[in-house]
Structures are given as structure tokens and as C-alpha cells.
Amino acid sequence: MGDVVKFPGAGITPAPAGPPRPAPADLDAMGERYVAYCEARDTPGRERDADLLAHAVAEDVPAWLAEVARVEALRAELADALNLLTGGA
């Protein structure tokens, strides 16, 4: 164990505050999965692919809903700022 070199700061860095934040959704990959599902669904003979992709797309629904909620919150914030700037007109 004498050969082990400890790096400065290893093991003493405090953990970030609060619960871990989820990784942001990969919207591009989610969109590509949906397009692939639609193409498989509309192509005769690709029912198995469509079924597998439907399950993958279904798993993306919570991330899509979270993204819609995020964009809606930004829209509301922008509307409030615009209302403040225009004096409530």
C-alpha cells in the first residue's frame, strides 16, 4: 500500500447541496425514436419494430411532459416580464 499515490483533495471534496438533479432529456434522441416509430408503424412487415419502438417512445413520455412544463414556465415568465415592461397593457 506504500505505492498508492493520493491525489490532492481526493476524498475531501464536499458533496453538492440538495438532491441529485436528473440529467436533462436528450430531446433529439427522443424525436428520432418517435420518427423511427412512425416509419415502422406505417411500413407493412415492420410490426415487431413498431412494437419495440412504441415501448421506447412510451418511456420518453415523462421527459416530454417535463419539457412541456419547463417551456410553459418560461413562457409564463416571459409573459409576466412583457406585462411589466408594457405597464399591463
Protein backbone atom coordinates (compact mmCIF):
# COMPACT_ATOMS: atom_id res chain seq x y z
CA MET A 1 0.00 0.00 0.00
CA GLY A 2 3.01 2.26 0.18
CA ASP A 3 2.89 2.69 -3.62
CA VAL A 4 -0.55 4.30 -3.61
CA VAL A 5 -0.37 7.98 -4.52
CA LYS A 6 -3.17 10.08 -3.13
CA PHE A 7 -4.32 12.96 -5.27
CA PRO A 8 -4.66 16.32 -3.55
CA GLY A 9 -8.23 16.86 -2.45
CA ALA A 10 -9.31 13.26 -3.05
CA GLY A 11 -12.00 12.28 -0.60
CA ILE A 12 -12.37 15.71 0.98
CA THR A 13 -14.50 17.49 -1.61
CA PRO A 14 -17.96 18.14 -0.18
CA ALA A 15 -20.95 16.73 -1.98
CA PRO A 16 -23.16 19.21 -3.82
CA ALA A 17 -26.09 20.54 -1.80
CA GLY A 18 -29.56 19.15 -2.31
CA PRO A 19 -30.83 16.04 -4.02
CA PRO A 20 -29.19 14.95 -7.27
CA ARG A 21 -30.66 16.63 -10.31
CA PRO A 22 -31.84 14.43 -13.15
CA ALA A 23 -29.87 14.62 -16.36
CA PRO A 24 -31.56 16.75 -19.00
CA ALA A 25 -33.57 14.82 -21.54
CA ASP A 26 -31.97 14.17 -24.90
CA LEU A 27 -34.74 15.73 -26.97
CA ASP A 28 -33.01 14.95 -30.27
CA ALA A 29 -32.80 11.24 -29.49
CA MET A 30 -36.40 11.24 -28.26
CA GLY A 31 -37.54 12.86 -31.50
CA GLU A 32 -35.55 10.40 -33.59
CA ARG A 33 -37.13 7.48 -31.71
CA TYR A 34 -40.59 8.88 -32.40
CA VAL A 35 -39.84 9.32 -36.11
CA ALA A 36 -38.44 5.79 -36.29
CA TYR A 37 -41.59 4.51 -34.57
CA CYS A 38 -43.85 6.34 -37.04
CA GLU A 39 -41.92 4.99 -40.01
CA ALA A 40 -42.03 1.43 -38.64
CA ARG A 41 -45.74 1.76 -37.82
CA ASP A 42 -46.54 2.88 -41.37
CA THR A 43 -44.40 0.23 -43.09
CA PRO A 44 -46.01 -3.17 -43.71
CA GLY A 45 -43.95 -6.02 -42.26
CA ARG A 46 -42.31 -3.90 -39.53
CA GLU A 47 -44.88 -4.60 -36.83
CA ARG A 48 -42.25 -6.07 -34.48
CA ASP A 49 -40.03 -3.00 -34.87
CA ALA A 50 -43.03 -0.74 -34.35
CA ASP A 51 -43.95 -2.58 -31.15
CA LEU A 52 -40.43 -2.29 -29.74
CA LEU A 53 -40.19 1.37 -30.68
CA ALA A 54 -43.64 2.07 -29.21
CA HIS A 55 -42.34 0.89 -25.84
CA ALA A 56 -39.25 3.10 -26.17
CA VAL A 57 -41.40 6.09 -27.11
CA ALA A 58 -43.73 5.41 -24.18
CA GLU A 59 -40.75 5.57 -21.82
CA ASP A 60 -40.00 9.06 -23.19
CA VAL A 61 -43.43 10.45 -22.24
CA PRO A 62 -42.43 11.67 -18.73
CA ALA A 63 -39.45 13.52 -20.20
CA TRP A 64 -41.67 15.12 -22.88
CA LEU A 65 -44.16 16.20 -20.20
CA ALA A 66 -41.35 17.68 -18.09
CA GLU A 67 -40.05 19.57 -21.12
CA VAL A 68 -43.51 20.95 -21.90
CA ALA A 69 -43.85 22.08 -18.26
CA ARG A 70 -40.41 23.72 -18.42
CA VAL A 71 -41.24 25.60 -21.63
CA GLU A 72 -44.64 26.63 -20.25
CA ALA A 73 -42.97 28.04 -17.12
CA LEU A 74 -40.56 30.01 -19.34
CA ARG A 75 -43.50 31.28 -21.41
CA ALA A 76 -45.31 32.44 -18.28
CA GLU A 77 -42.15 34.14 -17.02
CA LEU A 78 -41.72 35.92 -20.35
CA ALA A 79 -45.38 36.98 -20.37
CA ASP A 80 -45.00 38.42 -16.87
CA ALA A 81 -41.86 40.33 -17.88
CA LEU A 82 -43.57 41.66 -21.00
CA ASN A 83 -46.59 42.70 -18.96
CA LEU A 84 -44.29 44.53 -16.54
CA LEU A 85 -42.50 46.31 -19.39
CA THR A 86 -45.68 47.36 -21.15
CA GLY A 87 -47.36 48.52 -17.95
CA GLY A 88 -50.04 45.86 -18.02
CA ALA A 89 -51.49 46.99 -21.34
